[in-house]
N, C-alpha and C. Protein backbone atom coordinates (compact mmCIF):
# COMPACT_ATOMS: atom_id res chain seq x y z
N UNK A 1 20.42 8.18 -10.29
CA UNK A 1 20.69 7.97 -8.80
C UNK A 1 20.39 9.30 -8.25
N UNK A 2 19.74 9.18 -6.95
CA UNK A 2 19.06 10.18 -6.12
C UNK A 2 20.24 10.82 -5.28
N UNK A 3 20.53 12.20 -5.36
CA UNK A 3 21.58 12.90 -4.62
C UNK A 3 20.89 13.43 -3.43
N UNK A 4 21.23 12.79 -2.32
CA UNK A 4 20.52 13.37 -0.99
C UNK A 4 21.56 14.22 -0.13
N UNK A 5 22.72 14.28 -0.94
CA UNK A 5 23.71 15.35 -0.22
C UNK A 5 23.14 16.93 -0.12
N UNK A 6 22.03 17.19 -0.90
CA UNK A 6 21.61 18.53 -0.82
C UNK A 6 20.92 18.69 0.45
N UNK A 7 20.46 17.55 1.17
CA UNK A 7 19.61 17.92 2.28
C UNK A 7 20.60 17.73 3.60
N UNK A 8 20.40 18.54 4.54
CA UNK A 8 21.38 18.74 5.48
C UNK A 8 21.09 17.74 6.58
N UNK A 9 22.07 16.77 6.96
CA UNK A 9 21.85 15.92 8.03
C UNK A 9 21.21 16.36 9.41
N UNK A 10 22.03 17.57 9.82
CA UNK A 10 21.50 18.11 11.02
C UNK A 10 19.98 18.45 10.97
N UNK A 11 19.62 19.19 9.82
CA UNK A 11 18.03 19.54 9.58
C UNK A 11 17.17 18.22 9.77
N UNK A 12 17.53 17.07 9.27
CA UNK A 12 16.69 15.90 9.19
C UNK A 12 16.77 15.35 10.72
N UNK A 13 17.98 15.41 11.37
CA UNK A 13 18.12 14.97 12.77
C UNK A 13 17.20 15.67 13.57
N UNK A 14 17.10 17.23 13.38
CA UNK A 14 16.54 17.80 14.39
C UNK A 14 14.89 17.82 14.05
N UNK A 15 14.65 17.44 12.88
CA UNK A 15 13.25 17.23 12.74
C UNK A 15 12.73 15.78 13.14
N UNK A 16 13.35 15.08 13.49
CA UNK A 16 12.97 13.53 14.04
C UNK A 16 12.04 13.60 15.25
N UNK A 17 11.06 13.01 15.28
CA UNK A 17 10.18 12.79 16.32
C UNK A 17 9.77 11.20 16.01
N UNK A 18 9.69 10.46 17.21
CA UNK A 18 9.41 9.20 16.95
C UNK A 18 8.39 8.63 17.75
N UNK A 19 7.52 7.76 17.08
CA UNK A 19 6.25 7.21 18.05
C UNK A 19 6.29 5.90 17.52
N UNK A 20 5.91 4.95 18.70
CA UNK A 20 5.98 3.53 18.44
C UNK A 20 4.57 3.12 18.32
N UNK A 21 4.11 2.25 17.35
CA UNK A 21 2.71 1.65 17.17
C UNK A 21 2.86 0.02 17.75
N UNK A 22 1.80 -0.63 17.86
CA UNK A 22 1.77 -1.87 18.23
C UNK A 22 2.50 -2.69 17.46
N UNK A 23 2.69 -2.40 16.13
CA UNK A 23 3.31 -3.36 15.23
C UNK A 23 4.96 -2.65 15.12
N UNK A 24 5.35 -1.95 15.80
CA UNK A 24 6.80 -1.59 16.03
C UNK A 24 7.02 -0.75 14.70
N UNK A 25 6.28 -0.06 14.29
CA UNK A 25 6.73 0.99 13.10
C UNK A 25 7.14 2.27 13.92
N UNK A 26 8.41 2.66 13.40
CA UNK A 26 8.68 3.93 13.81
C UNK A 26 8.49 4.94 12.84
N UNK A 27 7.70 6.07 13.36
CA UNK A 27 7.46 7.37 12.54
C UNK A 27 8.39 8.33 12.63
N UNK A 28 9.08 8.96 11.57
CA UNK A 28 10.07 9.85 11.47
C UNK A 28 9.74 10.97 10.71
N UNK A 29 9.57 12.14 11.27
CA UNK A 29 9.38 13.33 10.45
C UNK A 29 10.44 13.87 9.73
N UNK A 30 10.37 14.05 8.39
CA UNK A 30 11.70 14.37 7.78
C UNK A 30 11.41 15.76 7.05
N UNK A 31 12.42 16.25 6.62
CA UNK A 31 12.41 17.57 6.14
C UNK A 31 11.47 17.81 4.81
N UNK A 32 10.90 18.94 4.41
CA UNK A 32 10.26 19.05 3.43
C UNK A 32 10.89 18.69 1.94
N UNK A 33 12.34 19.32 1.99
CA UNK A 33 13.04 18.93 0.74
C UNK A 33 13.18 17.57 0.48
N UNK A 34 13.53 16.70 1.58
CA UNK A 34 13.72 15.38 1.37
C UNK A 34 12.44 14.41 1.05
N UNK A 35 11.28 14.89 1.56
CA UNK A 35 9.88 14.37 1.63
C UNK A 35 9.63 14.49 -0.03
N UNK A 36 9.64 15.72 -0.53
CA UNK A 36 9.58 16.07 -1.94
C UNK A 36 10.20 15.16 -2.86
N UNK A 37 11.52 15.22 -2.48
CA UNK A 37 12.51 14.31 -3.46
C UNK A 37 11.89 12.83 -3.39
N UNK A 38 11.69 12.35 -2.25
CA UNK A 38 11.20 11.01 -2.29
C UNK A 38 9.68 10.82 -3.00
N UNK A 39 8.80 11.87 -2.92
CA UNK A 39 7.67 11.74 -3.46
C UNK A 39 7.77 11.82 -5.12
N UNK A 40 8.72 12.65 -5.61
CA UNK A 40 9.01 12.86 -6.80
C UNK A 40 9.32 11.67 -7.55
N UNK A 41 10.20 10.64 -6.85
CA UNK A 41 10.85 9.54 -7.56
C UNK A 41 9.69 8.62 -7.84
N UNK A 42 8.63 8.57 -6.97
CA UNK A 42 7.45 7.49 -7.21
C UNK A 42 7.96 5.79 -7.29
N UNK A 43 9.14 5.58 -6.73
CA UNK A 43 9.66 4.16 -6.62
C UNK A 43 10.50 4.13 -5.30
N UNK A 44 11.48 3.39 -5.35
CA UNK A 44 12.28 2.95 -4.34
C UNK A 44 13.23 3.80 -4.18
N UNK A 45 13.74 4.42 -2.87
CA UNK A 45 14.61 5.30 -2.71
C UNK A 45 15.68 4.71 -1.51
N UNK A 46 17.05 4.70 -1.85
CA UNK A 46 17.84 4.33 -0.86
C UNK A 46 18.27 5.54 -0.15
N UNK A 47 18.42 5.65 1.01
CA UNK A 47 19.02 6.80 1.93
C UNK A 47 20.32 6.30 2.29
N UNK A 48 21.28 7.15 1.95
CA UNK A 48 22.72 6.88 2.32
C UNK A 48 23.08 7.82 3.20
N UNK A 49 24.11 7.56 4.23
CA UNK A 49 24.91 8.27 5.14
C UNK A 49 26.45 7.95 4.82
N UNK A 50 27.00 9.21 4.55
CA UNK A 50 28.44 8.94 3.96
C UNK A 50 28.54 7.65 3.09
N UNK A 51 27.90 7.64 2.07
CA UNK A 51 27.96 6.66 0.98
C UNK A 51 27.39 5.25 1.37
N UNK A 52 27.11 5.14 2.60
CA UNK A 52 26.67 3.72 2.98
C UNK A 52 25.16 3.60 3.00
N UNK A 53 24.35 2.73 2.50
CA UNK A 53 23.04 2.63 2.51
C UNK A 53 22.71 2.33 3.91
N UNK A 54 21.56 3.24 4.49
CA UNK A 54 21.00 3.04 5.86
C UNK A 54 19.53 2.70 5.89
N UNK A 55 18.72 3.02 4.95
CA UNK A 55 17.38 2.95 4.90
C UNK A 55 17.14 2.90 3.56
N UNK A 56 15.68 2.28 3.19
CA UNK A 56 15.16 2.40 2.07
C UNK A 56 13.65 2.92 2.14
N UNK A 57 13.18 3.65 1.13
CA UNK A 57 11.54 4.03 1.08
C UNK A 57 10.90 3.38 0.09
N UNK A 58 9.78 3.32 0.22
CA UNK A 58 8.70 2.85 -0.92
C UNK A 58 7.43 3.69 -0.83
N UNK A 59 6.53 3.66 -1.89
CA UNK A 59 5.39 4.25 -1.91
C UNK A 59 4.45 3.73 -0.68
N UNK A 60 3.79 4.57 -0.05
CA UNK A 60 3.06 4.21 1.12
C UNK A 60 1.89 3.11 0.83
N UNK A 61 1.15 3.08 -0.24
CA UNK A 61 0.16 2.04 -0.55
C UNK A 61 0.92 0.76 -0.75
N UNK A 62 1.96 0.70 -1.18
CA UNK A 62 2.87 -0.52 -1.41
C UNK A 62 3.39 -1.05 0.01
N UNK A 63 3.72 -0.04 1.05
CA UNK A 63 4.16 -0.39 2.20
C UNK A 63 2.81 -0.92 2.88
N UNK A 64 1.81 -0.45 2.89
CA UNK A 64 0.64 -1.09 3.66
C UNK A 64 0.40 -2.16 3.02
N UNK A 65 0.45 -2.41 1.57
CA UNK A 65 0.36 -3.90 1.21
C UNK A 65 1.06 -4.92 1.70
N UNK A 66 2.44 -4.55 1.90
CA UNK A 66 3.29 -5.23 2.49
C UNK A 66 3.29 -5.81 3.83
N UNK A 67 2.71 -4.72 4.73
CA UNK A 67 2.42 -4.94 6.16
C UNK A 67 1.15 -5.99 6.15
N UNK A 68 0.09 -5.68 5.41
CA UNK A 68 -0.87 -6.62 5.28
C UNK A 68 -0.42 -8.02 4.87
N UNK A 69 0.40 -8.19 4.23
CA UNK A 69 0.94 -9.44 3.63
C UNK A 69 1.59 -10.20 4.93
N UNK A 70 2.13 -9.60 5.97
CA UNK A 70 2.75 -10.13 7.15
C UNK A 70 1.68 -10.95 7.88
N UNK A 71 0.42 -10.79 7.88
CA UNK A 71 -0.57 -11.16 8.67
C UNK A 71 -0.91 -12.51 8.03
N UNK A 72 -0.53 -13.47 8.73
CA UNK A 72 -0.82 -15.22 8.48
C UNK A 72 -2.22 -15.30 8.19
N UNK A 73 -3.24 -14.70 8.50
CA UNK A 73 -4.77 -14.89 8.27
C UNK A 73 -4.93 -14.29 6.62
N UNK A 74 -4.30 -13.13 6.31
CA UNK A 74 -4.28 -12.74 4.92
C UNK A 74 -3.64 -13.70 4.05
N UNK A 75 -2.42 -14.10 4.39
CA UNK A 75 -1.81 -15.13 3.43
C UNK A 75 -2.64 -16.26 3.03
N UNK A 76 -3.33 -16.84 4.29
CA UNK A 76 -3.99 -17.99 4.17
C UNK A 76 -5.29 -17.71 3.10
N UNK A 77 -5.90 -16.47 3.32
CA UNK A 77 -6.98 -16.14 2.40
C UNK A 77 -6.50 -16.10 1.02
N UNK A 78 -5.23 -15.60 0.78
CA UNK A 78 -4.85 -15.45 -0.64
C UNK A 78 -4.54 -16.82 -1.12
N UNK A 79 -3.89 -17.75 -0.41
CA UNK A 79 -3.61 -19.13 -0.70
C UNK A 79 -5.01 -19.78 -1.07
N UNK A 80 -6.07 -19.65 -0.14
CA UNK A 80 -7.07 -20.42 -0.48
C UNK A 80 -7.74 -19.81 -1.94
N UNK A 81 -7.69 -18.57 -2.00
CA UNK A 81 -8.32 -18.03 -3.40
C UNK A 81 -7.60 -18.62 -4.50
N UNK A 82 -6.21 -18.57 -4.43
CA UNK A 82 -5.47 -19.10 -5.55
C UNK A 82 -5.71 -20.47 -5.95
N UNK A 83 -6.00 -21.31 -4.68
CA UNK A 83 -6.33 -22.78 -4.94
C UNK A 83 -7.87 -22.78 -5.64
N UNK A 84 -8.69 -22.06 -5.29
CA UNK A 84 -10.19 -21.97 -5.83
C UNK A 84 -10.06 -21.67 -7.21
N UNK A 85 -9.34 -20.57 -7.55
CA UNK A 85 -9.07 -20.28 -8.97
C UNK A 85 -8.53 -21.28 -9.84
N UNK A 86 -7.31 -21.93 -9.24
CA UNK A 86 -6.73 -23.02 -10.00
C UNK A 86 -7.72 -24.16 -10.21
N UNK A 87 -8.73 -24.35 -9.30
CA UNK A 87 -9.71 -25.49 -9.39
C UNK A 87 -10.82 -25.30 -10.27
N UNK A 88 -10.89 -23.92 -10.90
CA UNK A 88 -11.92 -23.50 -11.83
C UNK A 88 -13.03 -23.13 -11.15
N UNK A 89 -13.05 -22.52 -9.92
CA UNK A 89 -14.02 -22.04 -8.93
C UNK A 89 -14.30 -20.52 -9.05
N UNK A 90 -14.02 -20.05 -10.47
CA UNK A 90 -14.09 -18.81 -10.66
C UNK A 90 -14.84 -18.36 -11.84
N UNK A 91 -15.34 -17.09 -12.01
CA UNK A 91 -15.77 -16.89 -13.36
C UNK A 91 -15.47 -15.23 -13.77
N UNK A 92 -15.58 -15.05 -15.09
CA UNK A 92 -15.25 -13.58 -15.27
C UNK A 92 -16.01 -12.61 -14.53
N UNK A 93 -15.45 -11.25 -14.32
CA UNK A 93 -16.18 -10.44 -13.50
C UNK A 93 -17.48 -10.04 -14.22
N UNK A 94 -17.28 -9.70 -15.47
CA UNK A 94 -18.22 -9.33 -16.32
C UNK A 94 -19.67 -10.03 -16.37
N UNK A 95 -19.33 -11.26 -16.08
CA UNK A 95 -20.37 -12.49 -16.01
C UNK A 95 -21.23 -11.97 -14.60
N UNK A 96 -20.36 -11.95 -13.58
CA UNK A 96 -20.99 -11.55 -12.08
C UNK A 96 -21.77 -10.00 -12.07
N UNK A 97 -21.03 -9.32 -12.89
CA UNK A 97 -21.71 -7.88 -12.78
C UNK A 97 -23.01 -8.08 -13.52
N UNK A 98 -22.99 -8.70 -14.74
CA UNK A 98 -24.32 -8.78 -15.36
C UNK A 98 -25.16 -9.46 -14.60
N UNK A 99 -25.09 -10.49 -13.83
CA UNK A 99 -25.91 -11.12 -13.02
C UNK A 99 -26.33 -10.22 -11.92
N UNK A 100 -25.56 -9.39 -11.39
CA UNK A 100 -25.98 -8.36 -10.51
C UNK A 100 -27.10 -7.29 -10.98
N UNK A 101 -26.77 -6.88 -12.14
CA UNK A 101 -27.36 -5.82 -13.04
C UNK A 101 -28.92 -6.49 -13.18
N UNK A 102 -29.01 -7.76 -13.47
CA UNK A 102 -30.31 -8.31 -13.88
C UNK A 102 -30.99 -8.47 -12.65
N UNK A 103 -30.17 -8.81 -11.55
CA UNK A 103 -31.16 -8.89 -10.34
C UNK A 103 -31.56 -7.51 -9.81
N UNK A 104 -30.75 -6.64 -9.99
CA UNK A 104 -31.38 -5.30 -9.68
C UNK A 104 -32.49 -4.80 -10.55
N UNK A 105 -32.59 -5.03 -11.97
CA UNK A 105 -33.57 -4.60 -12.73
C UNK A 105 -34.78 -5.38 -12.17
N UNK A 106 -34.69 -6.68 -11.95
CA UNK A 106 -35.98 -7.48 -11.39
C UNK A 106 -36.35 -6.89 -10.20
N UNK A 107 -35.65 -6.60 -9.34
CA UNK A 107 -36.03 -6.12 -7.99
C UNK A 107 -36.71 -4.82 -7.96
N UNK A 108 -36.37 -4.03 -8.78
CA UNK A 108 -36.79 -2.56 -9.19
C UNK A 108 -38.11 -2.72 -10.03
N UNK A 109 -38.47 -3.76 -10.88
CA UNK A 109 -39.72 -3.94 -11.37
C UNK A 109 -40.78 -4.50 -10.47
N UNK A 110 -40.43 -5.01 -9.51
CA UNK A 110 -41.54 -5.63 -8.36
C UNK A 110 -41.79 -4.71 -7.48
N UNK A 111 -41.27 -3.39 -7.24
CA UNK A 111 -41.63 -2.56 -6.23
C UNK A 111 -42.72 -1.91 -6.82
N UNK A 112 -43.81 -1.80 -5.83
CA UNK A 112 -45.02 -0.96 -6.23
C UNK A 112 -44.70 0.63 -6.35
N UNK A 113 -45.31 1.39 -7.22
CA UNK A 113 -45.01 2.87 -7.10
C UNK A 113 -46.09 3.34 -6.30
N UNK A 114 -45.41 4.53 -5.82
CA UNK A 114 -46.46 5.16 -4.68
C UNK A 114 -47.18 6.33 -5.56
């Protein structure tokens, strides 16, 4: 369990700066000790105030993936890709890479040397 009591609430509150983006994400600048503690956990962190959970954090890459999945177009593309895979319309990546390598070799053989 992460002990967040070591970070003074006043210093976090003083460091808050908010900006709104079109997707309604609020950015809050936090103190360096809290940021380091969150970074070191490399997982989910629940922030508590007086023992009551008030917020949660996750890795920024995972958060960006989460936001991307909120887009209906992205979800539809994933659904179509899964359907194609289940229908057998896929092949091993190594097979595709070999085909690309072979095509590259053929194209370099045709080029006249200067």
